[in-house]
Amino acid sequence: PHAPAHSWEALAAPCHINFCGAIATLTAALPAMVARGRGHLVGISSLSSYGALPASAPYCAPKAGLSMALECLRLDVAPRGVAVTTVYAGFIDTAMVAHRREAMPQLLSPEAAARRILDALPERPPRIDFPQPLAWAARAAARLPRALRDPVVRSLAGEHDRSRRG
């Protein structure tokens, strides 16, 4: 049996992997970068960190936390010559999404996603988000009042909810 979606058991492992593991990995190199006065940290977050999605707390919550931690870290280390880039990725065709039955708009291959990241990194941007149409929609939806956003998100997730019941 699976743990309920909002139980500690359901949230703990994704939090440890998608937040704690990412931060531990990224900050391991930080002291050497700060000492040299240069470097570039790149953290992989998700477009889902821009806003809540039904039945997605175990994934969205740690990714949102990671995004905020990277933004804070960027402000802290930029004066010391270290850049921090947060990658807000859309759906990438990996084993993690292979079981999903709902639509995954603008699904990218891992190679295409890696190419988008690598092409943008020379500029050392604070943010890389892709694919663009989905990224624009996610950022716009995050700015909507909840009274407008929630019904749209629930409606878009409706097919997902029906597929879980059916």
N, C-alpha and C. Protein backbone atom coordinates (compact mmCIF):
# COMPACT_ATOMS: atom_id res chain seq x y z
N PRO A 1 0.83 -1.20 0.00
CA PRO A 1 0.00 0.00 0.00
C PRO A 1 0.87 1.26 0.00
N HIS A 2 0.36 2.26 -0.70
CA HIS A 2 1.07 3.53 -0.79
C HIS A 2 0.64 4.43 0.36
N ALA A 3 1.57 5.29 0.80
CA ALA A 3 1.25 6.27 1.83
C ALA A 3 0.32 7.32 1.25
N PRO A 4 -0.60 7.86 2.06
CA PRO A 4 -1.44 8.95 1.57
C PRO A 4 -0.57 10.10 1.06
N ALA A 5 -1.06 10.78 0.03
CA ALA A 5 -0.27 11.82 -0.64
C ALA A 5 0.21 12.93 0.28
N HIS A 6 -0.48 13.16 1.39
CA HIS A 6 -0.11 14.25 2.27
C HIS A 6 0.48 13.77 3.59
N SER A 7 0.90 12.52 3.66
CA SER A 7 1.51 11.99 4.87
C SER A 7 3.01 12.31 4.87
N TRP A 8 3.61 12.26 6.05
CA TRP A 8 5.04 12.48 6.15
C TRP A 8 5.80 11.45 5.30
N GLU A 9 5.33 10.21 5.31
CA GLU A 9 6.00 9.17 4.54
C GLU A 9 6.04 9.50 3.05
N ALA A 10 4.96 10.07 2.54
CA ALA A 10 4.91 10.42 1.11
C ALA A 10 5.77 11.63 0.79
N LEU A 11 5.94 12.52 1.75
CA LEU A 11 6.69 13.75 1.52
C LEU A 11 8.17 13.64 1.86
N ALA A 12 8.53 12.77 2.79
CA ALA A 12 9.91 12.74 3.30
C ALA A 12 10.94 12.40 2.24
N ALA A 13 10.75 11.31 1.53
CA ALA A 13 11.76 10.89 0.55
C ALA A 13 11.96 11.92 -0.56
N PRO A 14 10.87 12.43 -1.19
CA PRO A 14 11.09 13.46 -2.21
C PRO A 14 11.76 14.72 -1.65
N CYS A 15 11.46 15.08 -0.41
CA CYS A 15 12.11 16.25 0.19
C CYS A 15 13.60 15.99 0.38
N HIS A 16 13.94 14.81 0.85
CA HIS A 16 15.35 14.49 1.05
C HIS A 16 16.12 14.45 -0.27
N ILE A 17 15.49 13.94 -1.31
CA ILE A 17 16.16 13.85 -2.62
C ILE A 17 16.17 15.19 -3.33
N ASN A 18 14.98 15.78 -3.54
CA ASN A 18 14.84 16.97 -4.38
C ASN A 18 15.24 18.26 -3.70
N PHE A 19 15.32 18.27 -2.38
CA PHE A 19 15.75 19.48 -1.69
C PHE A 19 17.08 19.25 -0.98
N CYS A 20 17.08 18.41 0.05
CA CYS A 20 18.29 18.23 0.85
C CYS A 20 19.45 17.68 0.02
N GLY A 21 19.18 16.68 -0.80
CA GLY A 21 20.25 16.10 -1.62
C GLY A 21 20.82 17.10 -2.60
N ALA A 22 19.94 17.88 -3.21
CA ALA A 22 20.41 18.89 -4.18
C ALA A 22 21.24 19.96 -3.48
N ILE A 23 20.76 20.46 -2.35
CA ILE A 23 21.50 21.50 -1.63
C ILE A 23 22.83 20.97 -1.12
N ALA A 24 22.85 19.75 -0.58
CA ALA A 24 24.11 19.16 -0.09
C ALA A 24 25.12 19.04 -1.23
N THR A 25 24.66 18.60 -2.38
CA THR A 25 25.55 18.43 -3.53
C THR A 25 26.08 19.78 -4.02
N LEU A 26 25.18 20.74 -4.17
CA LEU A 26 25.59 22.05 -4.70
C LEU A 26 26.53 22.79 -3.75
N THR A 27 26.23 22.75 -2.47
CA THR A 27 27.04 23.53 -1.52
C THR A 27 28.37 22.86 -1.19
N ALA A 28 28.55 21.59 -1.57
CA ALA A 28 29.83 20.93 -1.32
C ALA A 28 30.97 21.64 -2.04
N ALA A 29 30.70 22.15 -3.22
CA ALA A 29 31.73 22.84 -4.00
C ALA A 29 31.84 24.32 -3.67
N LEU A 30 30.91 24.84 -2.93
CA LEU A 30 30.84 26.28 -2.70
C LEU A 30 32.06 26.87 -1.99
N PRO A 31 32.58 26.27 -0.92
CA PRO A 31 33.74 26.90 -0.26
C PRO A 31 34.93 27.11 -1.19
N ALA A 32 35.21 26.14 -2.06
CA ALA A 32 36.34 26.30 -2.99
C ALA A 32 36.06 27.41 -4.00
N MET A 33 34.82 27.51 -4.47
CA MET A 33 34.48 28.57 -5.42
C MET A 33 34.61 29.94 -4.78
N VAL A 34 34.11 30.07 -3.57
CA VAL A 34 34.20 31.35 -2.86
C VAL A 34 35.67 31.70 -2.62
N ALA A 35 36.47 30.72 -2.23
CA ALA A 35 37.90 30.98 -1.98
C ALA A 35 38.61 31.45 -3.25
N ARG A 36 38.24 30.90 -4.41
CA ARG A 36 38.84 31.31 -5.69
C ARG A 36 38.25 32.62 -6.21
N GLY A 37 37.07 32.99 -5.71
CA GLY A 37 36.41 34.19 -6.20
C GLY A 37 35.74 34.00 -7.54
N ARG A 38 35.45 32.76 -7.89
CA ARG A 38 34.74 32.47 -9.14
C ARG A 38 34.15 31.07 -9.08
N GLY A 39 33.17 30.86 -9.92
CA GLY A 39 32.52 29.56 -10.01
C GLY A 39 31.08 29.74 -10.46
N HIS A 40 30.44 28.62 -10.71
CA HIS A 40 29.06 28.67 -11.21
C HIS A 40 28.33 27.42 -10.73
N LEU A 41 27.35 27.60 -9.88
CA LEU A 41 26.49 26.50 -9.42
C LEU A 41 25.23 26.48 -10.27
N VAL A 42 24.78 25.29 -10.65
CA VAL A 42 23.56 25.13 -11.44
C VAL A 42 22.68 24.11 -10.74
N GLY A 43 21.49 24.54 -10.33
CA GLY A 43 20.54 23.64 -9.68
C GLY A 43 19.35 23.38 -10.58
N ILE A 44 18.92 22.12 -10.63
CA ILE A 44 17.80 21.74 -11.48
C ILE A 44 16.52 21.72 -10.66
N SER A 45 15.65 22.66 -10.92
CA SER A 45 14.34 22.72 -10.27
C SER A 45 13.30 22.30 -11.31
N SER A 46 12.14 22.89 -11.24
CA SER A 46 11.04 22.48 -12.12
C SER A 46 10.08 23.64 -12.30
N LEU A 47 9.43 23.67 -13.47
CA LEU A 47 8.36 24.65 -13.66
C LEU A 47 7.25 24.44 -12.64
N SER A 48 7.13 23.23 -12.11
CA SER A 48 6.08 22.97 -11.12
C SER A 48 6.34 23.71 -9.82
N SER A 49 7.52 24.27 -9.63
CA SER A 49 7.80 25.03 -8.42
C SER A 49 7.13 26.40 -8.43
N TYR A 50 6.62 26.82 -9.59
CA TYR A 50 5.95 28.12 -9.68
C TYR A 50 4.58 28.12 -9.02
N GLY A 51 3.94 26.97 -8.86
CA GLY A 51 2.61 26.97 -8.28
C GLY A 51 2.14 25.57 -7.93
N ALA A 52 1.14 25.54 -7.08
CA ALA A 52 0.59 24.27 -6.60
C ALA A 52 -0.15 23.53 -7.70
N LEU A 53 -0.03 22.21 -7.67
CA LEU A 53 -0.75 21.33 -8.58
C LEU A 53 -1.42 20.24 -7.75
N PRO A 54 -2.63 19.84 -8.09
CA PRO A 54 -3.29 18.78 -7.32
C PRO A 54 -2.48 17.49 -7.32
N ALA A 55 -2.48 16.81 -6.20
CA ALA A 55 -1.82 15.51 -6.03
C ALA A 55 -0.33 15.56 -6.32
N SER A 56 0.30 16.72 -6.13
CA SER A 56 1.71 16.87 -6.48
C SER A 56 2.58 17.43 -5.37
N ALA A 57 2.08 17.48 -4.15
CA ALA A 57 2.86 18.05 -3.04
C ALA A 57 4.23 17.40 -2.88
N PRO A 58 4.35 16.07 -2.98
CA PRO A 58 5.68 15.47 -2.79
C PRO A 58 6.72 15.94 -3.80
N TYR A 59 6.29 16.36 -4.97
CA TYR A 59 7.23 16.85 -5.98
C TYR A 59 7.34 18.38 -5.96
N CYS A 60 6.20 19.06 -5.98
CA CYS A 60 6.20 20.53 -6.07
C CYS A 60 6.85 21.20 -4.86
N ALA A 61 6.55 20.72 -3.66
CA ALA A 61 7.02 21.39 -2.46
C ALA A 61 8.55 21.43 -2.36
N PRO A 62 9.25 20.30 -2.50
CA PRO A 62 10.71 20.40 -2.42
C PRO A 62 11.33 21.16 -3.59
N LYS A 63 10.72 21.10 -4.76
CA LYS A 63 11.25 21.87 -5.89
C LYS A 63 11.07 23.36 -5.65
N ALA A 64 9.94 23.77 -5.07
CA ALA A 64 9.74 25.18 -4.73
C ALA A 64 10.76 25.61 -3.67
N GLY A 65 10.99 24.76 -2.68
CA GLY A 65 12.00 25.06 -1.67
C GLY A 65 13.39 25.18 -2.26
N LEU A 66 13.71 24.28 -3.18
CA LEU A 66 15.01 24.33 -3.85
C LEU A 66 15.16 25.63 -4.64
N SER A 67 14.12 26.01 -5.36
CA SER A 67 14.17 27.25 -6.14
C SER A 67 14.44 28.45 -5.24
N MET A 68 13.75 28.52 -4.12
CA MET A 68 13.94 29.64 -3.20
C MET A 68 15.34 29.60 -2.58
N ALA A 69 15.80 28.42 -2.19
CA ALA A 69 17.13 28.30 -1.61
C ALA A 69 18.20 28.75 -2.60
N LEU A 70 18.04 28.38 -3.87
CA LEU A 70 19.00 28.79 -4.89
C LEU A 70 18.96 30.29 -5.13
N GLU A 71 17.77 30.88 -5.10
CA GLU A 71 17.66 32.34 -5.25
C GLU A 71 18.37 33.05 -4.09
N CYS A 72 18.18 32.56 -2.87
CA CYS A 72 18.85 33.14 -1.71
C CYS A 72 20.37 32.97 -1.82
N LEU A 73 20.79 31.77 -2.18
CA LEU A 73 22.21 31.49 -2.34
C LEU A 73 22.83 32.39 -3.40
N ARG A 74 22.11 32.60 -4.50
CA ARG A 74 22.59 33.48 -5.57
C ARG A 74 22.88 34.88 -5.03
N LEU A 75 21.96 35.40 -4.23
CA LEU A 75 22.17 36.74 -3.66
C LEU A 75 23.35 36.75 -2.69
N ASP A 76 23.54 35.66 -1.96
CA ASP A 76 24.62 35.59 -0.98
C ASP A 76 26.00 35.50 -1.62
N VAL A 77 26.13 34.72 -2.70
CA VAL A 77 27.48 34.45 -3.23
C VAL A 77 27.85 35.29 -4.45
N ALA A 78 26.90 35.97 -5.06
CA ALA A 78 27.22 36.81 -6.22
C ALA A 78 28.31 37.84 -5.91
N PRO A 79 28.26 38.52 -4.76
CA PRO A 79 29.32 39.49 -4.46
C PRO A 79 30.71 38.84 -4.32
N ARG A 80 30.74 37.53 -4.18
CA ARG A 80 32.02 36.81 -4.04
C ARG A 80 32.47 36.18 -5.36
N GLY A 81 31.78 36.54 -6.46
CA GLY A 81 32.19 36.07 -7.78
C GLY A 81 31.61 34.74 -8.21
N VAL A 82 30.68 34.20 -7.44
CA VAL A 82 30.09 32.90 -7.77
C VAL A 82 28.68 33.12 -8.32
N ALA A 83 28.42 32.57 -9.49
CA ALA A 83 27.09 32.65 -10.09
C ALA A 83 26.26 31.44 -9.67
N VAL A 84 24.96 31.64 -9.57
CA VAL A 84 24.03 30.54 -9.29
C VAL A 84 22.91 30.63 -10.32
N THR A 85 22.68 29.54 -11.01
CA THR A 85 21.60 29.45 -11.99
C THR A 85 20.60 28.41 -11.54
N THR A 86 19.33 28.78 -11.54
CA THR A 86 18.26 27.83 -11.27
C THR A 86 17.62 27.45 -12.59
N VAL A 87 17.56 26.15 -12.86
CA VAL A 87 16.92 25.64 -14.07
C VAL A 87 15.51 25.22 -13.72
N TYR A 88 14.54 25.84 -14.37
CA TYR A 88 13.13 25.50 -14.20
C TYR A 88 12.72 24.69 -15.43
N ALA A 89 12.79 23.38 -15.31
CA ALA A 89 12.53 22.50 -16.45
C ALA A 89 11.07 22.06 -16.50
N GLY A 90 10.59 21.88 -17.71
CA GLY A 90 9.26 21.30 -17.91
C GLY A 90 9.36 19.79 -17.89
N PHE A 91 8.47 19.13 -18.59
CA PHE A 91 8.44 17.67 -18.62
C PHE A 91 9.61 17.13 -19.45
N ILE A 92 10.37 16.22 -18.86
CA ILE A 92 11.48 15.57 -19.54
C ILE A 92 11.19 14.08 -19.56
N ASP A 93 11.39 13.48 -20.71
CA ASP A 93 11.04 12.07 -20.94
C ASP A 93 12.02 11.14 -20.23
N THR A 94 11.76 10.90 -18.96
CA THR A 94 12.61 10.03 -18.14
C THR A 94 11.74 8.95 -17.52
N ALA A 95 12.38 8.04 -16.81
CA ALA A 95 11.64 6.97 -16.12
C ALA A 95 10.66 7.55 -15.10
N MET A 96 10.98 8.72 -14.54
CA MET A 96 10.11 9.31 -13.54
C MET A 96 8.72 9.66 -14.10
N VAL A 97 8.64 10.01 -15.36
CA VAL A 97 7.35 10.39 -15.94
C VAL A 97 6.74 9.30 -16.81
N ALA A 98 7.44 8.21 -16.98
CA ALA A 98 6.96 7.14 -17.87
C ALA A 98 5.60 6.58 -17.44
N HIS A 99 5.32 6.59 -16.14
CA HIS A 99 4.06 6.03 -15.63
C HIS A 99 2.89 7.01 -15.72
N ARG A 100 3.16 8.26 -16.00
CA ARG A 100 2.09 9.27 -16.01
C ARG A 100 1.13 9.02 -17.16
N ARG A 101 -0.16 9.10 -16.84
CA ARG A 101 -1.17 8.90 -17.87
C ARG A 101 -1.74 10.22 -18.37
N GLU A 102 -1.54 11.29 -17.63
CA GLU A 102 -2.08 12.57 -18.06
C GLU A 102 -1.15 13.22 -19.09
N ALA A 103 -1.66 14.25 -19.73
CA ALA A 103 -0.89 14.94 -20.77
C ALA A 103 0.36 15.57 -20.18
N MET A 104 1.43 15.54 -20.95
CA MET A 104 2.68 16.19 -20.59
C MET A 104 3.06 17.11 -21.74
N PRO A 105 2.53 18.34 -21.71
CA PRO A 105 2.76 19.24 -22.84
C PRO A 105 4.24 19.53 -23.05
N GLN A 106 4.62 19.54 -24.31
CA GLN A 106 5.97 19.91 -24.72
C GLN A 106 7.05 19.04 -24.06
N LEU A 107 6.77 17.74 -23.99
CA LEU A 107 7.71 16.77 -23.44
C LEU A 107 9.02 16.81 -24.23
N LEU A 108 10.14 16.92 -23.51
CA LEU A 108 11.46 16.99 -24.14
C LEU A 108 12.27 15.74 -23.83
N SER A 109 13.12 15.36 -24.74
CA SER A 109 14.06 14.28 -24.47
C SER A 109 15.11 14.80 -23.49
N PRO A 110 15.76 13.92 -22.74
CA PRO A 110 16.84 14.37 -21.86
C PRO A 110 17.94 15.11 -22.63
N GLU A 111 18.21 14.66 -23.84
CA GLU A 111 19.25 15.30 -24.65
C GLU A 111 18.85 16.73 -25.04
N ALA A 112 17.58 16.91 -25.41
CA ALA A 112 17.11 18.26 -25.78
C ALA A 112 17.14 19.19 -24.56
N ALA A 113 16.76 18.66 -23.40
CA ALA A 113 16.79 19.47 -22.18
C ALA A 113 18.22 19.86 -21.84
N ALA A 114 19.13 18.89 -21.91
CA ALA A 114 20.54 19.18 -21.62
C ALA A 114 21.10 20.22 -22.59
N ARG A 115 20.72 20.14 -23.85
CA ARG A 115 21.20 21.09 -24.85
C ARG A 115 20.71 22.50 -24.51
N ARG A 116 19.45 22.62 -24.11
CA ARG A 116 18.93 23.96 -23.75
C ARG A 116 19.70 24.55 -22.58
N ILE A 117 20.00 23.71 -21.60
CA ILE A 117 20.75 24.18 -20.43
C ILE A 117 22.16 24.58 -20.85
N LEU A 118 22.85 23.70 -21.55
CA LEU A 118 24.23 23.98 -21.95
C LEU A 118 24.35 25.20 -22.85
N ASP A 119 23.38 25.39 -23.73
CA ASP A 119 23.41 26.56 -24.62
C ASP A 119 23.27 27.87 -23.85
N ALA A 120 22.54 27.85 -22.74
CA ALA A 120 22.29 29.07 -21.97
C ALA A 120 23.38 29.37 -20.94
N LEU A 121 24.11 28.37 -20.49
CA LEU A 121 25.06 28.55 -19.39
C LEU A 121 26.18 29.56 -19.62
N PRO A 122 26.71 29.72 -20.83
CA PRO A 122 27.79 30.70 -20.99
C PRO A 122 27.42 32.11 -20.52
N GLU A 123 26.15 32.45 -20.58
CA GLU A 123 25.70 33.77 -20.13
C GLU A 123 25.59 33.87 -18.61
N ARG A 124 25.68 32.72 -17.91
CA ARG A 124 25.55 32.65 -16.44
C ARG A 124 24.25 33.32 -15.96
N PRO A 125 23.13 32.95 -16.57
CA PRO A 125 21.86 33.59 -16.19
C PRO A 125 21.39 33.13 -14.81
N PRO A 126 20.64 33.96 -14.11
CA PRO A 126 20.09 33.52 -12.83
C PRO A 126 19.01 32.45 -13.00
N ARG A 127 18.38 32.42 -14.19
CA ARG A 127 17.28 31.49 -14.42
C ARG A 127 17.35 30.98 -15.86
N ILE A 128 17.10 29.68 -15.99
CA ILE A 128 16.87 29.07 -17.30
C ILE A 128 15.55 28.34 -17.17
N ASP A 129 14.59 28.68 -18.00
CA ASP A 129 13.33 27.93 -17.95
C ASP A 129 12.90 27.53 -19.34
N PHE A 130 12.36 26.33 -19.43
CA PHE A 130 11.97 25.78 -20.72
C PHE A 130 10.99 24.64 -20.52
N PRO A 131 10.26 24.30 -21.57
CA PRO A 131 10.13 24.95 -22.86
C PRO A 131 9.36 26.26 -22.71
N GLN A 132 9.70 27.23 -23.56
CA GLN A 132 9.18 28.58 -23.36
C GLN A 132 7.67 28.71 -23.26
N PRO A 133 6.88 28.18 -24.15
CA PRO A 133 5.43 28.40 -23.98
C PRO A 133 4.91 27.89 -22.63
N LEU A 134 5.40 26.75 -22.20
CA LEU A 134 4.97 26.21 -20.90
C LEU A 134 5.52 27.05 -19.75
N ALA A 135 6.75 27.53 -19.89
CA ALA A 135 7.35 28.38 -18.86
C ALA A 135 6.59 29.69 -18.72
N TRP A 136 6.24 30.30 -19.84
CA TRP A 136 5.46 31.55 -19.78
C TRP A 136 4.12 31.30 -19.09
N ALA A 137 3.46 30.21 -19.43
CA ALA A 137 2.17 29.89 -18.83
C ALA A 137 2.31 29.66 -17.33
N ALA A 138 3.35 28.95 -16.91
CA ALA A 138 3.56 28.68 -15.48
C ALA A 138 3.82 29.97 -14.71
N ARG A 139 4.66 30.84 -15.27
CA ARG A 139 4.94 32.12 -14.59
C ARG A 139 3.70 33.01 -14.54
N ALA A 140 2.94 33.04 -15.63
CA ALA A 140 1.72 33.85 -15.67
C ALA A 140 0.69 33.32 -14.68
N ALA A 141 0.52 32.01 -14.64
CA ALA A 141 -0.46 31.41 -13.72
C ALA A 141 -0.09 31.71 -12.27
N ALA A 142 1.21 31.74 -11.97
CA ALA A 142 1.65 32.01 -10.60
C ALA A 142 1.29 33.43 -10.15
N ARG A 143 1.09 34.33 -11.11
CA ARG A 143 0.77 35.72 -10.78
C ARG A 143 -0.74 35.98 -10.68
N LEU A 144 -1.52 35.01 -11.10
CA LEU A 144 -2.98 35.18 -11.04
C LEU A 144 -3.46 35.11 -9.60
N PRO A 145 -4.54 35.83 -9.29
CA PRO A 145 -5.14 35.64 -7.96
C PRO A 145 -5.62 34.20 -7.82
N ARG A 146 -5.54 33.67 -6.63
CA ARG A 146 -5.93 32.28 -6.39
C ARG A 146 -7.35 31.98 -6.86
N ALA A 147 -8.23 32.95 -6.73
CA ALA A 147 -9.63 32.73 -7.14
C ALA A 147 -9.73 32.43 -8.63
N LEU A 148 -8.79 32.94 -9.42
CA LEU A 148 -8.76 32.64 -10.86
C LEU A 148 -7.89 31.42 -11.16
N ARG A 149 -6.75 31.34 -10.50
CA ARG A 149 -5.79 30.28 -10.79
C ARG A 149 -6.30 28.89 -10.38
N ASP A 150 -6.85 28.77 -9.19
CA ASP A 150 -7.23 27.45 -8.68
C ASP A 150 -8.22 26.71 -9.57
N PRO A 151 -9.30 27.36 -10.04
CA PRO A 151 -10.22 26.63 -10.93
C PRO A 151 -9.56 26.18 -12.24
N VAL A 152 -8.66 27.00 -12.77
CA VAL A 152 -7.97 26.62 -14.01
C VAL A 152 -7.07 25.41 -13.76
N VAL A 153 -6.31 25.46 -12.68
CA VAL A 153 -5.41 24.34 -12.36
C VAL A 153 -6.21 23.08 -12.10
N ARG A 154 -7.30 23.21 -11.35
CA ARG A 154 -8.14 22.02 -11.08
C ARG A 154 -8.74 21.47 -12.37
N SER A 155 -9.15 22.36 -13.25
CA SER A 155 -9.72 21.92 -14.52
C SER A 155 -8.69 21.19 -15.36
N LEU A 156 -7.49 21.74 -15.45
CA LEU A 156 -6.43 21.09 -16.22
C LEU A 156 -6.03 19.75 -15.61
N ALA A 157 -6.13 19.65 -14.29
CA ALA A 157 -5.78 18.41 -13.61
C ALA A 157 -6.94 17.42 -13.58
N GLY A 158 -8.11 17.83 -14.02
CA GLY A 158 -9.29 16.96 -13.97
C GLY A 158 -9.10 15.64 -14.65
N GLU A 159 -8.47 15.65 -15.81
CA GLU A 159 -8.23 14.39 -16.52
C GLU A 159 -7.32 13.49 -15.70
N HIS A 160 -6.33 14.08 -15.03
CA HIS A 160 -5.42 13.32 -14.18
C HIS A 160 -6.20 12.67 -13.04
N ASP A 161 -7.08 13.43 -12.40
CA ASP A 161 -7.87 12.88 -11.29
C ASP A 161 -8.77 11.75 -11.77
N ARG A 162 -9.40 11.92 -12.92
CA ARG A 162 -10.28 10.87 -13.44
C ARG A 162 -9.49 9.61 -13.78
N SER A 163 -8.28 9.78 -14.31
CA SER A 163 -7.50 8.60 -14.68
C SER A 163 -7.06 7.83 -13.45
N ARG A 164 -6.86 8.50 -12.31
CA ARG A 164 -6.49 7.81 -11.08
C ARG A 164 -7.67 7.02 -10.52
N ARG A 165 -8.88 7.52 -10.71
CA ARG A 165 -10.06 6.83 -10.18
C ARG A 165 -10.47 5.67 -11.07
N GLY A 166 -10.16 5.79 -12.36
CA GLY A 166 -10.76 4.92 -13.29
C GLY A 166 -10.13 3.72 -13.74
